[in-house]
């Protein structure tokens, strides 16, 4: 969790897509599932990102946004909150 927290705590513009992918690798290592969806059928909020939990009892985290970066950022912020509350 420390790694994800340190990445997300940077200024939004200073986080690269590679950083986000690294965070999702950590989510996988925690036994959780992250999904990124590109929805060309929608006119707005074409990016959906969600995380489900297989190791703890928690509701799915989901963000539908106009940019992939914003969707990734939002679910990671919530993920930290959920995981730190366990």
PDB file of N, CA and C in Angstrom:
ATOM      1  N   UNK A   1       0.814  -1.197   0.000  1.00  0.00           N
ATOM      2  CA  UNK A   1       0.000   0.000   0.000  1.00  0.00           C
ATOM      3  C   UNK A   1       0.856   1.260   0.000  1.00  0.00           C
ATOM      4  N   UNK A   2       1.995   1.186   0.615  1.00  0.00           N
ATOM      5  CA  UNK A   2       2.861   2.360   0.697  1.00  0.00           C
ATOM      6  C   UNK A   2       3.231   2.880  -0.687  1.00  0.00           C
ATOM      7  N   UNK A   3       3.524   1.957  -1.612  1.00  0.00           N
ATOM      8  CA  UNK A   3       3.912   2.355  -2.963  1.00  0.00           C
ATOM      9  C   UNK A   3       2.771   3.063  -3.676  1.00  0.00           C
ATOM     10  N   UNK A   4       1.567   2.501  -3.600  1.00  0.00           N
ATOM     11  CA  UNK A   4       0.407   3.115  -4.246  1.00  0.00           C
ATOM     12  C   UNK A   4       0.151   4.484  -3.638  1.00  0.00           C
ATOM     13  N   UNK A   5       0.216   4.578  -2.328  1.00  0.00           N
ATOM     14  CA  UNK A   5      -0.007   5.854  -1.647  1.00  0.00           C
ATOM     15  C   UNK A   5       1.017   6.893  -2.074  1.00  0.00           C
ATOM     16  N   UNK A   6       2.277   6.504  -2.181  1.00  0.00           N
ATOM     17  CA  UNK A   6       3.308   7.481  -2.550  1.00  0.00           C
ATOM     18  C   UNK A   6       3.128   7.967  -3.994  1.00  0.00           C
ATOM     19  N   UNK A   7       2.674   7.105  -4.879  1.00  0.00           N
ATOM     20  CA  UNK A   7       2.438   7.529  -6.264  1.00  0.00           C
ATOM     21  C   UNK A   7       1.239   8.459  -6.344  1.00  0.00           C
ATOM     22  N   UNK A   8       0.140   8.088  -5.709  1.00  0.00           N
ATOM     23  CA  UNK A   8      -1.090   8.874  -5.791  1.00  0.00           C
ATOM     24  C   UNK A   8      -0.958  10.208  -5.063  1.00  0.00           C
ATOM     25  N   UNK A   9      -0.046  10.294  -4.111  1.00  0.00           N
ATOM     26  CA  UNK A   9       0.114  11.545  -3.364  1.00  0.00           C
ATOM     27  C   UNK A   9       0.861  12.621  -4.158  1.00  0.00           C
ATOM     28  N   UNK A  10       1.440  12.259  -5.295  1.00  0.00           N
ATOM     29  CA  UNK A  10       2.086  13.252  -6.154  1.00  0.00           C
ATOM     30  C   UNK A  10       1.036  14.145  -6.799  1.00  0.00           C
ATOM     31  N   UNK A  11       1.486  15.261  -7.329  1.00  0.00           N
ATOM     32  CA  UNK A  11       0.589  16.114  -8.096  1.00  0.00           C
ATOM     33  C   UNK A  11       0.046  15.313  -9.270  1.00  0.00           C
ATOM     34  N   UNK A  12      -1.230  15.487  -9.557  1.00  0.00           N
ATOM     35  CA  UNK A  12      -1.920  14.721 -10.608  1.00  0.00           C
ATOM     36  C   UNK A  12      -1.149  14.714 -11.919  1.00  0.00           C
ATOM     37  N   UNK A  13      -0.643  15.862 -12.347  1.00  0.00           N
ATOM     38  CA  UNK A  13       0.073  15.966 -13.621  1.00  0.00           C
ATOM     39  C   UNK A  13       1.420  15.260 -13.623  1.00  0.00           C
ATOM     40  N   UNK A  14       1.921  14.907 -12.441  1.00  0.00           N
ATOM     41  CA  UNK A  14       3.224  14.251 -12.346  1.00  0.00           C
ATOM     42  C   UNK A  14       3.124  12.729 -12.284  1.00  0.00           C
ATOM     43  N   UNK A  15       1.937  12.192 -12.463  1.00  0.00           N
ATOM     44  CA  UNK A  15       1.760  10.739 -12.437  1.00  0.00           C
ATOM     45  C   UNK A  15       1.646  10.245 -13.880  1.00  0.00           C
ATOM     46  N   UNK A  16       2.503   9.310 -14.237  1.00  0.00           N
ATOM     47  CA  UNK A  16       2.504   8.781 -15.608  1.00  0.00           C
ATOM     48  C   UNK A  16       1.585   7.562 -15.711  1.00  0.00           C
ATOM     49  N   UNK A  17       1.258   7.204 -16.931  1.00  0.00           N
ATOM     50  CA  UNK A  17       0.474   5.987 -17.157  1.00  0.00           C
ATOM     51  C   UNK A  17       1.246   4.776 -16.626  1.00  0.00           C
ATOM     52  N   UNK A  18       2.555   4.782 -16.762  1.00  0.00           N
ATOM     53  CA  UNK A  18       3.376   3.691 -16.234  1.00  0.00           C
ATOM     54  C   UNK A  18       3.228   3.575 -14.720  1.00  0.00           C
ATOM     55  N   UNK A  19       3.142   4.727 -14.038  1.00  0.00           N
ATOM     56  CA  UNK A  19       2.919   4.716 -12.588  1.00  0.00           C
ATOM     57  C   UNK A  19       1.578   4.061 -12.250  1.00  0.00           C
ATOM     58  N   UNK A  20       0.547   4.411 -13.019  1.00  0.00           N
ATOM     59  CA  UNK A  20      -0.768   3.820 -12.782  1.00  0.00           C
ATOM     60  C   UNK A  20      -0.743   2.309 -13.016  1.00  0.00           C
ATOM     61  N   UNK A  21      -0.077   1.874 -14.076  1.00  0.00           N
ATOM     62  CA  UNK A  21       0.022   0.442 -14.349  1.00  0.00           C
ATOM     63  C   UNK A  21       0.759  -0.261 -13.213  1.00  0.00           C
ATOM     64  N   UNK A  22       1.806   0.354 -12.704  1.00  0.00           N
ATOM     65  CA  UNK A  22       2.534  -0.206 -11.564  1.00  0.00           C
ATOM     66  C   UNK A  22       1.596  -0.369 -10.360  1.00  0.00           C
ATOM     67  N   UNK A  23       0.753   0.624 -10.116  1.00  0.00           N
ATOM     68  CA  UNK A  23      -0.214   0.530  -9.011  1.00  0.00           C
ATOM     69  C   UNK A  23      -1.165  -0.637  -9.224  1.00  0.00           C
ATOM     70  N   UNK A  24      -1.598  -0.837 -10.461  1.00  0.00           N
ATOM     71  CA  UNK A  24      -2.504  -1.956 -10.731  1.00  0.00           C
ATOM     72  C   UNK A  24      -1.795  -3.295 -10.597  1.00  0.00           C
ATOM     73  N   UNK A  25      -0.501  -3.343 -10.832  1.00  0.00           N
ATOM     74  CA  UNK A  25       0.272  -4.557 -10.550  1.00  0.00           C
ATOM     75  C   UNK A  25       0.243  -4.847  -9.040  1.00  0.00           C
ATOM     76  N   UNK A  26       0.355  -3.802  -8.247  1.00  0.00           N
ATOM     77  CA  UNK A  26       0.300  -3.969  -6.791  1.00  0.00           C
ATOM     78  C   UNK A  26      -1.086  -4.434  -6.348  1.00  0.00           C
ATOM     79  N   UNK A  27      -2.124  -3.908  -6.984  1.00  0.00           N
ATOM     80  CA  UNK A  27      -3.491  -4.352  -6.689  1.00  0.00           C
ATOM     81  C   UNK A  27      -3.606  -5.848  -6.960  1.00  0.00           C
ATOM     82  N   UNK A  28      -3.070  -6.288  -8.088  1.00  0.00           N
ATOM     83  CA  UNK A  28      -3.062  -7.715  -8.435  1.00  0.00           C
ATOM     84  C   UNK A  28      -2.311  -8.518  -7.371  1.00  0.00           C
ATOM     85  N   UNK A  29      -1.161  -8.020  -6.925  1.00  0.00           N
ATOM     86  CA  UNK A  29      -0.376  -8.715  -5.905  1.00  0.00           C
ATOM     87  C   UNK A  29      -1.141  -8.818  -4.585  1.00  0.00           C
ATOM     88  N   UNK A  30      -2.043  -7.865  -4.328  1.00  0.00           N
ATOM     89  CA  UNK A  30      -2.876  -7.918  -3.123  1.00  0.00           C
ATOM     90  C   UNK A  30      -4.009  -8.932  -3.261  1.00  0.00           C
ATOM     91  N   UNK A  31      -4.150  -9.533  -4.460  1.00  0.00           N
ATOM     92  CA  UNK A  31      -5.204 -10.510  -4.684  1.00  0.00           C
ATOM     93  C   UNK A  31      -6.500  -9.891  -5.172  1.00  0.00           C
ATOM     94  N   UNK A  32      -6.473  -8.604  -5.499  1.00  0.00           N
ATOM     95  CA  UNK A  32      -7.662  -7.907  -5.968  1.00  0.00           C
ATOM     96  C   UNK A  32      -7.643  -7.829  -7.497  1.00  0.00           C
ATOM     97  N   UNK A  33      -8.753  -7.397  -8.079  1.00  0.00           N
ATOM     98  CA  UNK A  33      -8.896  -7.377  -9.537  1.00  0.00           C
ATOM     99  C   UNK A  33      -9.166  -5.957 -10.008  1.00  0.00           C
ATOM    100  N   UNK A  34      -8.371  -5.493 -10.974  1.00  0.00           N
ATOM    101  CA  UNK A  34      -8.578  -4.180 -11.575  1.00  0.00           C
ATOM    102  C   UNK A  34      -8.907  -4.326 -13.050  1.00  0.00           C
ATOM    103  N   UNK A  35      -9.896  -3.553 -13.507  1.00  0.00           N
ATOM    104  CA  UNK A  35     -10.324  -3.626 -14.895  1.00  0.00           C
ATOM    105  C   UNK A  35     -10.376  -2.215 -15.474  1.00  0.00           C
ATOM    106  N   UNK A  36      -9.850  -2.072 -16.699  1.00  0.00           N
ATOM    107  CA  UNK A  36      -9.898  -0.808 -17.431  1.00  0.00           C
ATOM    108  C   UNK A  36     -10.690  -1.068 -18.707  1.00  0.00           C
ATOM    109  N   UNK A  37     -11.730  -0.256 -18.923  1.00  0.00           N
ATOM    110  CA  UNK A  37     -12.605  -0.439 -20.091  1.00  0.00           C
ATOM    111  C   UNK A  37     -12.623   0.830 -20.932  1.00  0.00           C
ATOM    112  N   UNK A  38     -12.423   0.663 -22.223  1.00  0.00           N
ATOM    113  CA  UNK A  38     -12.514   1.754 -23.190  1.00  0.00           C
ATOM    114  C   UNK A  38     -13.829   1.564 -23.931  1.00  0.00           C
ATOM    115  N   UNK A  39     -14.765   2.484 -23.772  1.00  0.00           N
ATOM    116  CA  UNK A  39     -16.103   2.309 -24.324  1.00  0.00           C
ATOM    117  C   UNK A  39     -16.355   3.286 -25.469  1.00  0.00           C
ATOM    118  N   UNK A  40     -16.114   2.838 -26.689  1.00  0.00           N
ATOM    119  CA  UNK A  40     -16.283   3.677 -27.858  1.00  0.00           C
ATOM    120  C   UNK A  40     -17.735   3.952 -28.206  1.00  0.00           C
ATOM    121  N   UNK A  41     -18.647   3.235 -27.583  1.00  0.00           N
ATOM    122  CA  UNK A  41     -20.073   3.421 -27.845  1.00  0.00           C
ATOM    123  C   UNK A  41     -20.617   4.665 -27.143  1.00  0.00           C
ATOM    124  N   UNK A  42     -19.957   5.090 -26.085  1.00  0.00           N
ATOM    125  CA  UNK A  42     -20.404   6.267 -25.327  1.00  0.00           C
ATOM    126  C   UNK A  42     -19.869   7.542 -25.954  1.00  0.00           C
ATOM    127  N   UNK A  43     -20.614   8.625 -25.760  1.00  0.00           N
ATOM    128  CA  UNK A  43     -20.192   9.942 -26.244  1.00  0.00           C
ATOM    129  C   UNK A  43     -19.355  10.689 -25.201  1.00  0.00           C
ATOM    130  N   UNK A  44     -19.616  10.438 -23.936  1.00  0.00           N
ATOM    131  CA  UNK A  44     -18.811  11.037 -22.872  1.00  0.00           C
ATOM    132  C   UNK A  44     -18.550   9.970 -21.811  1.00  0.00           C
ATOM    133  N   UNK A  45     -17.623  10.277 -20.945  1.00  0.00           N
ATOM    134  CA  UNK A  45     -17.198   9.330 -19.904  1.00  0.00           C
ATOM    135  C   UNK A  45     -16.937   7.952 -20.512  1.00  0.00           C
ATOM    136  N   UNK A  46     -16.044   7.938 -21.484  1.00  0.00           N
ATOM    137  CA  UNK A  46     -15.755   6.728 -22.236  1.00  0.00           C
ATOM    138  C   UNK A  46     -14.799   5.762 -21.541  1.00  0.00           C
ATOM    139  N   UNK A  47     -14.297   6.149 -20.385  1.00  0.00           N
ATOM    140  CA  UNK A  47     -13.364   5.293 -19.662  1.00  0.00           C
ATOM    141  C   UNK A  47     -13.989   4.832 -18.355  1.00  0.00           C
ATOM    142  N   UNK A  48     -14.012   3.531 -18.166  1.00  0.00           N
ATOM    143  CA  UNK A  48     -14.491   2.946 -16.922  1.00  0.00           C
ATOM    144  C   UNK A  48     -13.345   2.168 -16.304  1.00  0.00           C
ATOM    145  N   UNK A  49     -13.113   2.407 -15.034  1.00  0.00           N
ATOM    146  CA  UNK A  49     -12.098   1.663 -14.293  1.00  0.00           C
ATOM    147  C   UNK A  49     -12.769   1.167 -13.027  1.00  0.00           C
ATOM    148  N   UNK A  50     -12.576  -0.122 -12.733  1.00  0.00           N
ATOM    149  CA  UNK A  50     -13.110  -0.610 -11.464  1.00  0.00           C
ATOM    150  C   UNK A  50     -12.181  -1.619 -10.826  1.00  0.00           C
ATOM    151  N   UNK A  51     -12.329  -1.734  -9.516  1.00  0.00           N
ATOM    152  CA  UNK A  51     -11.545  -2.673  -8.714  1.00  0.00           C
ATOM    153  C   UNK A  51     -12.524  -3.474  -7.877  1.00  0.00           C
ATOM    154  N   UNK A  52     -12.352  -4.799  -7.892  1.00  0.00           N
ATOM    155  CA  UNK A  52     -13.129  -5.668  -7.021  1.00  0.00           C
ATOM    156  C   UNK A  52     -12.173  -6.353  -6.051  1.00  0.00           C
ATOM    157  N   UNK A  53     -12.730  -6.770  -4.949  1.00  0.00           N
ATOM    158  CA  UNK A  53     -11.932  -7.356  -3.870  1.00  0.00           C
ATOM    159  C   UNK A  53     -12.257  -8.834  -3.726  1.00  0.00           C
ATOM    160  N   UNK A  54     -11.233  -9.655  -3.728  1.00  0.00           N
ATOM    161  CA  UNK A  54     -11.441 -11.081  -3.500  1.00  0.00           C
ATOM    162  C   UNK A  54     -10.928 -11.516  -2.133  1.00  0.00           C
ATOM    163  N   UNK A  55     -10.143 -10.664  -1.488  1.00  0.00           N
ATOM    164  CA  UNK A  55      -9.537 -11.044  -0.212  1.00  0.00           C
ATOM    165  C   UNK A  55     -10.193 -10.376   0.992  1.00  0.00           C
ATOM    166  N   UNK A  56     -11.015  -9.360   0.757  1.00  0.00           N
ATOM    167  CA  UNK A  56     -11.727  -8.689   1.848  1.00  0.00           C
ATOM    168  C   UNK A  56     -13.171  -8.443   1.413  1.00  0.00           C
ATOM    169  N   UNK A  57     -14.023  -8.203   2.382  1.00  0.00           N
ATOM    170  CA  UNK A  57     -15.413  -7.895   2.066  1.00  0.00           C
ATOM    171  C   UNK A  57     -15.541  -6.379   1.917  1.00  0.00           C
ATOM    172  N   UNK A  58     -15.606  -5.952   0.672  1.00  0.00           N
ATOM    173  CA  UNK A  58     -15.731  -4.524   0.371  1.00  0.00           C
ATOM    174  C   UNK A  58     -16.465  -4.381  -0.955  1.00  0.00           C
ATOM    175  N   UNK A  59     -17.166  -3.277  -1.112  1.00  0.00           N
ATOM    176  CA  UNK A  59     -17.876  -3.029  -2.354  1.00  0.00           C
ATOM    177  C   UNK A  59     -16.900  -2.666  -3.473  1.00  0.00           C
ATOM    178  N   UNK A  60     -17.317  -2.960  -4.685  1.00  0.00           N
ATOM    179  CA  UNK A  60     -16.516  -2.620  -5.859  1.00  0.00           C
ATOM    180  C   UNK A  60     -16.314  -1.099  -5.919  1.00  0.00           C
ATOM    181  N   UNK A  61     -15.150  -0.697  -6.373  1.00  0.00           N
ATOM    182  CA  UNK A  61     -14.841   0.716  -6.601  1.00  0.00           C
ATOM    183  C   UNK A  61     -14.921   0.945  -8.101  1.00  0.00           C
ATOM    184  N   UNK A  62     -15.614   2.006  -8.519  1.00  0.00           N
ATOM    185  CA  UNK A  62     -15.795   2.256  -9.952  1.00  0.00           C
ATOM    186  C   UNK A  62     -15.741   3.743 -10.244  1.00  0.00           C
ATOM    187  N   UNK A  63     -15.140   4.069 -11.394  1.00  0.00           N
ATOM    188  CA  UNK A  63     -15.130   5.451 -11.881  1.00  0.00           C
ATOM    189  C   UNK A  63     -15.398   5.436 -13.376  1.00  0.00           C
ATOM    190  N   UNK A  64     -16.305   6.294 -13.813  1.00  0.00           N
ATOM    191  CA  UNK A  64     -16.586   6.521 -15.235  1.00  0.00           C
ATOM    192  C   UNK A  64     -16.195   7.964 -15.511  1.00  0.00           C
ATOM    193  N   UNK A  65     -15.186   8.162 -16.356  1.00  0.00           N
ATOM    194  CA  UNK A  65     -14.654   9.508 -16.582  1.00  0.00           C
ATOM    195  C   UNK A  65     -14.351   9.753 -18.058  1.00  0.00           C
ATOM    196  N   UNK A  66     -14.111  11.011 -18.371  1.00  0.00           N
ATOM    197  CA  UNK A  66     -13.782  11.417 -19.745  1.00  0.00           C
ATOM    198  C   UNK A  66     -12.321  11.193 -20.099  1.00  0.00           C
ATOM    199  N   UNK A  67     -11.461  11.064 -19.077  1.00  0.00           N
ATOM    200  CA  UNK A  67     -10.055  10.744 -19.335  1.00  0.00           C
ATOM    201  C   UNK A  67      -9.674   9.506 -18.532  1.00  0.00           C
ATOM    202  N   UNK A  68      -8.826   8.706 -19.118  1.00  0.00           N
ATOM    203  CA  UNK A  68      -8.371   7.495 -18.441  1.00  0.00           C
ATOM    204  C   UNK A  68      -7.617   7.839 -17.166  1.00  0.00           C
ATOM    205  N   UNK A  69      -6.794   8.848 -17.247  1.00  0.00           N
ATOM    206  CA  UNK A  69      -5.980   9.232 -16.093  1.00  0.00           C
ATOM    207  C   UNK A  69      -6.854   9.620 -14.899  1.00  0.00           C
ATOM    208  N   UNK A  70      -7.902  10.370 -15.148  1.00  0.00           N
ATOM    209  CA  UNK A  70      -8.803  10.775 -14.071  1.00  0.00           C
ATOM    210  C   UNK A  70      -9.515   9.566 -13.456  1.00  0.00           C
ATOM    211  N   UNK A  71      -9.953   8.638 -14.292  1.00  0.00           N
ATOM    212  CA  UNK A  71     -10.626   7.442 -13.782  1.00  0.00           C
ATOM    213  C   UNK A  71      -9.676   6.598 -12.931  1.00  0.00           C
ATOM    214  N   UNK A  72      -8.447   6.419 -13.411  1.00  0.00           N
ATOM    215  CA  UNK A  72      -7.455   5.655 -12.651  1.00  0.00           C
ATOM    216  C   UNK A  72      -7.167   6.312 -11.309  1.00  0.00           C
ATOM    217  N   UNK A  73      -6.995   7.613 -11.333  1.00  0.00           N
ATOM    218  CA  UNK A  73      -6.689   8.361 -10.113  1.00  0.00           C
ATOM    219  C   UNK A  73      -7.814   8.208  -9.084  1.00  0.00           C
ATOM    220  N   UNK A  74      -9.041   8.356  -9.524  1.00  0.00           N
ATOM    221  CA  UNK A  74     -10.185   8.276  -8.601  1.00  0.00           C
ATOM    222  C   UNK A  74     -10.307   6.899  -7.948  1.00  0.00           C
ATOM    223  N   UNK A  75     -10.161   5.832  -8.731  1.00  0.00           N
ATOM    224  CA  UNK A  75     -10.289   4.510  -8.116  1.00  0.00           C
ATOM    225  C   UNK A  75      -9.117   4.203  -7.189  1.00  0.00           C
ATOM    226  N   UNK A  76      -7.943   4.693  -7.521  1.00  0.00           N
ATOM    227  CA  UNK A  76      -6.800   4.447  -6.638  1.00  0.00           C
ATOM    228  C   UNK A  76      -6.934   5.198  -5.318  1.00  0.00           C
ATOM    229  N   UNK A  77      -7.446   6.416  -5.358  1.00  0.00           N
ATOM    230  CA  UNK A  77      -7.684   7.135  -4.099  1.00  0.00           C
ATOM    231  C   UNK A  77      -8.640   6.356  -3.199  1.00  0.00           C
ATOM    232  N   UNK A  78      -9.708   5.861  -3.775  1.00  0.00           N
ATOM    233  CA  UNK A  78     -10.691   5.095  -3.006  1.00  0.00           C
ATOM    234  C   UNK A  78     -10.104   3.766  -2.552  1.00  0.00           C
ATOM    235  N   UNK A  79      -9.299   3.142  -3.393  1.00  0.00           N
ATOM    236  CA  UNK A  79      -8.668   1.874  -3.044  1.00  0.00           C
ATOM    237  C   UNK A  79      -7.792   2.017  -1.797  1.00  0.00           C
ATOM    238  N   UNK A  80      -7.022   3.070  -1.767  1.00  0.00           N
ATOM    239  CA  UNK A  80      -6.180   3.338  -0.590  1.00  0.00           C
ATOM    240  C   UNK A  80      -7.045   3.468   0.641  1.00  0.00           C
ATOM    241  N   UNK A  81      -8.120   4.229   0.534  1.00  0.00           N
ATOM    242  CA  UNK A  81      -9.031   4.434   1.662  1.00  0.00           C
ATOM    243  C   UNK A  81      -9.611   3.107   2.160  1.00  0.00           C
ATOM    244  N   UNK A  82     -10.060   2.263   1.243  1.00  0.00           N
ATOM    245  CA  UNK A  82     -10.644   0.978   1.618  1.00  0.00           C
ATOM    246  C   UNK A  82      -9.604   0.074   2.245  1.00  0.00           C
ATOM    247  N   UNK A  83      -8.451  -0.054   1.610  1.00  0.00           N
ATOM    248  CA  UNK A  83      -7.407  -0.947   2.103  1.00  0.00           C
ATOM    249  C   UNK A  83      -6.819  -0.499   3.432  1.00  0.00           C
ATOM    250  N   UNK A  84      -6.695   0.789   3.650  1.00  0.00           N
ATOM    251  CA  UNK A  84      -6.164   1.284   4.922  1.00  0.00           C
ATOM    252  C   UNK A  84      -7.192   1.147   6.047  1.00  0.00           C
ATOM    253  N   UNK A  85      -8.462   1.039   5.695  1.00  0.00           N
ATOM    254  CA  UNK A  85      -9.512   0.868   6.684  1.00  0.00           C
ATOM    255  C   UNK A  85      -9.691  -0.579   7.150  1.00  0.00           C
ATOM    256  N   UNK A  86      -8.977  -1.501   6.496  1.00  0.00           N
ATOM    257  CA  UNK A  86      -9.112  -2.924   6.834  1.00  0.00           C
ATOM    258  C   UNK A  86      -8.328  -3.245   8.070  1.00  0.00           C
TER     259      UNK A  86
END
